[in-house]
Amino acid sequence: MATCLRYALATFCFVASFGCLALWGWSVSDKSRDFMVSYYSEGGAYHGQLFNGQLHACFAPKLMMWDEHVGGWFADSRPSPEGIVDRRLEWPLFGPDNRGGYFFPAWYASLIFALAGVAVLRFRRQFSLRSALIAFAVVAALLAMPLAL
């Protein structure tokens, strides 16, 4: 039973990794569109935005919320507002912003999910040179992808 659960979790991690790479490629190829997803709860709202290969994630506490949505998901994909595409080139590529959010490349999330998948598969097994080489190959391939494109 534990083996099936471990393989199911590893499959989820690898699918999420592939999905993040697909979103990254989509957002890099179409710089004029934004994809946003939000979750509203009683305590605040969680926001995620994908644009130009970058993810921006932030949390807005209840006091800072401007929308009256309480409970539920909201997703939207629309053209970027005029003039914002050029301004985004000045935004940080990685790290915190001044509004309580955090920027990171979409391929970074893919890297994290891929490494989590490898870790789940290697869980409770003896660490070997082979598993180190597999993890190194996955990391090298994911880091080389932005350079190749």
C-alpha atoms as a PDB file:
ATOM      1  CA  MET A   1       0.000   0.000   0.000  1.00  0.00           C
ATOM      2  CA  ALA A   2       2.805   2.399   0.882  1.00  0.00           C
ATOM      3  CA  THR A   3       4.474   1.669  -2.455  1.00  0.00           C
ATOM      4  CA  CYS A   4       1.318   2.552  -4.389  1.00  0.00           C
ATOM      5  CA  LEU A   5       0.938   5.757  -2.405  1.00  0.00           C
ATOM      6  CA  ARG A   6       4.585   6.644  -3.008  1.00  0.00           C
ATOM      7  CA  TYR A   7       4.280   6.066  -6.759  1.00  0.00           C
ATOM      8  CA  ALA A   8       1.036   8.064  -6.892  1.00  0.00           C
ATOM      9  CA  LEU A   9       2.715  11.002  -5.136  1.00  0.00           C
ATOM     10  CA  ALA A  10       5.738  10.782  -7.440  1.00  0.00           C
ATOM     11  CA  THR A  11       3.432  10.721 -10.479  1.00  0.00           C
ATOM     12  CA  PHE A  12       1.648  13.827  -9.199  1.00  0.00           C
ATOM     13  CA  CYS A  13       4.999  15.599  -8.703  1.00  0.00           C
ATOM     14  CA  PHE A  14       6.216  14.750 -12.210  1.00  0.00           C
ATOM     15  CA  VAL A  15       2.910  15.796 -13.808  1.00  0.00           C
ATOM     16  CA  ALA A  16       3.000  19.080 -11.868  1.00  0.00           C
ATOM     17  CA  SER A  17       6.591  19.579 -13.038  1.00  0.00           C
ATOM     18  CA  PHE A  18       5.591  19.037 -16.652  1.00  0.00           C
ATOM     19  CA  GLY A  19       2.604  21.367 -16.200  1.00  0.00           C
ATOM     20  CA  CYS A  20       4.825  24.139 -14.837  1.00  0.00           C
ATOM     21  CA  LEU A  21       7.168  23.745 -17.809  1.00  0.00           C
ATOM     22  CA  ALA A  22       4.202  23.930 -20.188  1.00  0.00           C
ATOM     23  CA  LEU A  23       2.903  27.081 -18.474  1.00  0.00           C
ATOM     24  CA  TRP A  24       6.369  28.593 -18.619  1.00  0.00           C
ATOM     25  CA  GLY A  25       6.649  27.911 -22.356  1.00  0.00           C
ATOM     26  CA  TRP A  26       3.153  29.252 -22.981  1.00  0.00           C
ATOM     27  CA  SER A  27       3.774  32.468 -21.075  1.00  0.00           C
ATOM     28  CA  VAL A  28       7.152  33.086 -22.720  1.00  0.00           C
ATOM     29  CA  SER A  29       5.718  32.586 -26.202  1.00  0.00           C
ATOM     30  CA  ASP A  30       2.752  34.924 -25.569  1.00  0.00           C
ATOM     31  CA  LYS A  31       4.058  37.880 -23.562  1.00  0.00           C
ATOM     32  CA  SER A  32       0.876  39.883 -24.062  1.00  0.00           C
ATOM     33  CA  ARG A  33      -1.362  37.631 -21.898  1.00  0.00           C
ATOM     34  CA  ASP A  34      -1.722  37.212 -18.157  1.00  0.00           C
ATOM     35  CA  PHE A  35      -2.988  34.178 -16.340  1.00  0.00           C
ATOM     36  CA  MET A  36      -4.244  34.788 -12.816  1.00  0.00           C
ATOM     37  CA  VAL A  37      -5.646  32.508 -10.157  1.00  0.00           C
ATOM     38  CA  SER A  38      -6.884  33.519  -6.702  1.00  0.00           C
ATOM     39  CA  TYR A  39      -8.323  31.760  -3.703  1.00  0.00           C
ATOM     40  CA  TYR A  40     -10.472  33.819  -1.369  1.00  0.00           C
ATOM     41  CA  SER A  41     -11.030  32.692   2.216  1.00  0.00           C
ATOM     42  CA  GLU A  42     -12.199  34.206   5.480  1.00  0.00           C
ATOM     43  CA  GLY A  43      -8.639  35.111   6.492  1.00  0.00           C
ATOM     44  CA  GLY A  44      -7.512  36.686   3.239  1.00  0.00           C
ATOM     45  CA  ALA A  45      -6.739  35.931  -0.361  1.00  0.00           C
ATOM     46  CA  TYR A  46      -3.961  34.012  -2.078  1.00  0.00           C
ATOM     47  CA  HIS A  47      -3.054  35.334  -5.511  1.00  0.00           C
ATOM     48  CA  GLY A  48      -0.895  33.855  -8.249  1.00  0.00           C
ATOM     49  CA  GLN A  49      -0.058  35.488 -11.564  1.00  0.00           C
ATOM     50  CA  LEU A  50       1.880  34.108 -14.530  1.00  0.00           C
ATOM     51  CA  PHE A  51       3.370  36.433 -17.148  1.00  0.00           C
ATOM     52  CA  ASN A  52       6.451  36.373 -19.380  1.00  0.00           C
ATOM     53  CA  GLY A  53       7.744  33.162 -17.786  1.00  0.00           C
ATOM     54  CA  GLN A  54       7.535  34.643 -14.281  1.00  0.00           C
ATOM     55  CA  LEU A  55       5.279  33.637 -11.413  1.00  0.00           C
ATOM     56  CA  HIS A  56       4.195  36.170  -8.824  1.00  0.00           C
ATOM     57  CA  ALA A  57       2.633  34.800  -5.654  1.00  0.00           C
ATOM     58  CA  CYS A  58       1.266  36.856  -2.776  1.00  0.00           C
ATOM     59  CA  PHE A  59      -1.077  36.750   0.192  1.00  0.00           C
ATOM     60  CA  ALA A  60      -3.451  39.610   0.983  1.00  0.00           C
ATOM     61  CA  PRO A  61      -4.792  39.566   4.548  1.00  0.00           C
ATOM     62  CA  LYS A  62      -8.460  40.291   5.157  1.00  0.00           C
ATOM     63  CA  LEU A  63      -7.682  43.917   6.041  1.00  0.00           C
ATOM     64  CA  MET A  64      -5.958  44.540   2.696  1.00  0.00           C
ATOM     65  CA  MET A  65      -8.553  42.851   0.497  1.00  0.00           C
ATOM     66  CA  TRP A  66     -10.278  45.105  -1.982  1.00  0.00           C
ATOM     67  CA  ASP A  67     -12.731  42.493  -3.226  1.00  0.00           C
ATOM     68  CA  GLU A  68     -15.694  41.271  -1.246  1.00  0.00           C
ATOM     69  CA  HIS A  69     -15.289  37.689  -2.492  1.00  0.00           C
ATOM     70  CA  VAL A  70     -15.363  35.295   0.438  1.00  0.00           C
ATOM     71  CA  GLY A  71     -14.655  31.661  -0.197  1.00  0.00           C
ATOM     72  CA  GLY A  72     -13.866  30.139  -3.548  1.00  0.00           C
ATOM     73  CA  TRP A  73     -11.545  30.121  -6.530  1.00  0.00           C
ATOM     74  CA  PHE A  74     -11.222  32.692  -9.284  1.00  0.00           C
ATOM     75  CA  ALA A  75      -9.218  32.144 -12.485  1.00  0.00           C
ATOM     76  CA  ASP A  76      -8.785  34.481 -15.442  1.00  0.00           C
ATOM     77  CA  SER A  77      -6.707  34.756 -18.593  1.00  0.00           C
ATOM     78  CA  ARG A  78      -6.734  38.071 -20.411  1.00  0.00           C
ATOM     79  CA  PRO A  79      -4.553  40.408 -22.461  1.00  0.00           C
ATOM     80  CA  SER A  80      -2.106  42.459 -20.436  1.00  0.00           C
ATOM     81  CA  PRO A  81      -3.063  46.100 -19.879  1.00  0.00           C
ATOM     82  CA  GLU A  82      -1.471  48.621 -22.245  1.00  0.00           C
ATOM     83  CA  GLY A  83       2.015  49.686 -21.211  1.00  0.00           C
ATOM     84  CA  ILE A  84       2.418  47.070 -18.487  1.00  0.00           C
ATOM     85  CA  VAL A  85       4.485  44.704 -20.649  1.00  0.00           C
ATOM     86  CA  ASP A  86       7.357  47.204 -20.884  1.00  0.00           C
ATOM     87  CA  ARG A  87       7.169  48.046 -17.170  1.00  0.00           C
ATOM     88  CA  ARG A  88       7.427  44.359 -16.263  1.00  0.00           C
ATOM     89  CA  LEU A  89      10.891  44.194 -17.758  1.00  0.00           C
ATOM     90  CA  GLU A  90      12.033  46.328 -14.803  1.00  0.00           C
ATOM     91  CA  TRP A  91      10.496  44.018 -12.180  1.00  0.00           C
ATOM     92  CA  PRO A  92      12.772  41.624 -10.300  1.00  0.00           C
ATOM     93  CA  LEU A  93      13.333  38.180 -11.770  1.00  0.00           C
ATOM     94  CA  PHE A  94      13.626  36.495  -8.407  1.00  0.00           C
ATOM     95  CA  GLY A  95      12.854  37.518  -4.858  1.00  0.00           C
ATOM     96  CA  PRO A  96      10.384  39.541  -2.822  1.00  0.00           C
ATOM     97  CA  ASP A  97       8.537  42.611  -4.029  1.00  0.00           C
ATOM     98  CA  ASN A  98       7.433  45.618  -1.999  1.00  0.00           C
ATOM     99  CA  ARG A  99       3.801  44.430  -1.707  1.00  0.00           C
ATOM    100  CA  GLY A 100       4.364  41.214   0.230  1.00  0.00           C
ATOM    101  CA  GLY A 101       4.650  38.986  -2.820  1.00  0.00           C
ATOM    102  CA  TYR A 102       7.415  36.890  -4.273  1.00  0.00           C
ATOM    103  CA  PHE A 103       8.698  36.576  -7.857  1.00  0.00           C
ATOM    104  CA  PHE A 104      10.272  33.445  -9.288  1.00  0.00           C
ATOM    105  CA  PRO A 105      10.605  31.870 -12.745  1.00  0.00           C
ATOM    106  CA  ALA A 106       7.975  29.287 -13.675  1.00  0.00           C
ATOM    107  CA  TRP A 107      10.675  26.729 -14.458  1.00  0.00           C
ATOM    108  CA  TYR A 108      11.815  27.026 -10.825  1.00  0.00           C
ATOM    109  CA  ALA A 109       8.526  25.506  -9.672  1.00  0.00           C
ATOM    110  CA  SER A 110       9.060  22.753 -12.235  1.00  0.00           C
ATOM    111  CA  LEU A 111      12.492  22.074 -10.772  1.00  0.00           C
ATOM    112  CA  ILE A 112      11.086  21.846  -7.246  1.00  0.00           C
ATOM    113  CA  PHE A 113       8.338  19.413  -8.296  1.00  0.00           C
ATOM    114  CA  ALA A 114      10.801  17.248 -10.267  1.00  0.00           C
ATOM    115  CA  LEU A 115      13.193  17.049  -7.327  1.00  0.00           C
ATOM    116  CA  ALA A 116      10.291  16.245  -5.007  1.00  0.00           C
ATOM    117  CA  GLY A 117       9.276  13.421  -7.351  1.00  0.00           C
ATOM    118  CA  VAL A 118      12.793  11.985  -7.331  1.00  0.00           C
ATOM    119  CA  ALA A 119      12.942  12.324  -3.538  1.00  0.00           C
ATOM    120  CA  VAL A 120       9.620  10.500  -3.147  1.00  0.00           C
ATOM    121  CA  LEU A 121      10.869   7.651  -5.326  1.00  0.00           C
ATOM    122  CA  ARG A 122      14.120   7.423  -3.374  1.00  0.00           C
ATOM    123  CA  PHE A 123      12.415   7.667   0.039  1.00  0.00           C
ATOM    124  CA  ARG A 124      13.335   4.816   2.397  1.00  0.00           C
ATOM    125  CA  ARG A 125      15.936   3.453   0.028  1.00  0.00           C
ATOM    126  CA  GLN A 126      19.646   3.600   0.396  1.00  0.00           C
ATOM    127  CA  PHE A 127      21.170   6.642  -1.258  1.00  0.00           C
ATOM    128  CA  SER A 128      23.423   5.641  -4.130  1.00  0.00           C
ATOM    129  CA  LEU A 129      25.608   7.172  -6.781  1.00  0.00           C
ATOM    130  CA  ARG A 130      22.938   6.318  -9.336  1.00  0.00           C
ATOM    131  CA  SER A 131      20.268   8.360  -7.533  1.00  0.00           C
ATOM    132  CA  ALA A 132      22.694  11.278  -7.228  1.00  0.00           C
ATOM    133  CA  LEU A 133      23.375  11.149 -10.978  1.00  0.00           C
ATOM    134  CA  ILE A 134      19.649  11.029 -11.761  1.00  0.00           C
ATOM    135  CA  ALA A 135      18.976  14.058  -9.550  1.00  0.00           C
ATOM    136  CA  PHE A 136      21.947  15.879 -11.091  1.00  0.00           C
ATOM    137  CA  ALA A 137      20.701  15.135 -14.627  1.00  0.00           C
ATOM    138  CA  VAL A 138      17.193  16.403 -13.811  1.00  0.00           C
ATOM    139  CA  VAL A 139      18.555  19.613 -12.290  1.00  0.00           C
ATOM    140  CA  ALA A 140      20.977  20.169 -15.177  1.00  0.00           C
ATOM    141  CA  ALA A 141      18.258  19.634 -17.782  1.00  0.00           C
ATOM    142  CA  LEU A 142      15.865  22.036 -16.066  1.00  0.00           C
ATOM    143  CA  LEU A 143      18.527  24.701 -15.594  1.00  0.00           C
ATOM    144  CA  ALA A 144      19.720  24.366 -19.198  1.00  0.00           C
ATOM    145  CA  MET A 145      16.221  24.721 -20.643  1.00  0.00           C
ATOM    146  CA  PRO A 146      15.969  28.541 -20.291  1.00  0.00           C
ATOM    147  CA  LEU A 147      19.419  28.909 -21.822  1.00  0.00           C
ATOM    148  CA  ALA A 148      18.496  26.749 -24.806  1.00  0.00           C
ATOM    149  CA  LEU A 149      15.310  28.686 -25.480  1.00  0.00           C
END
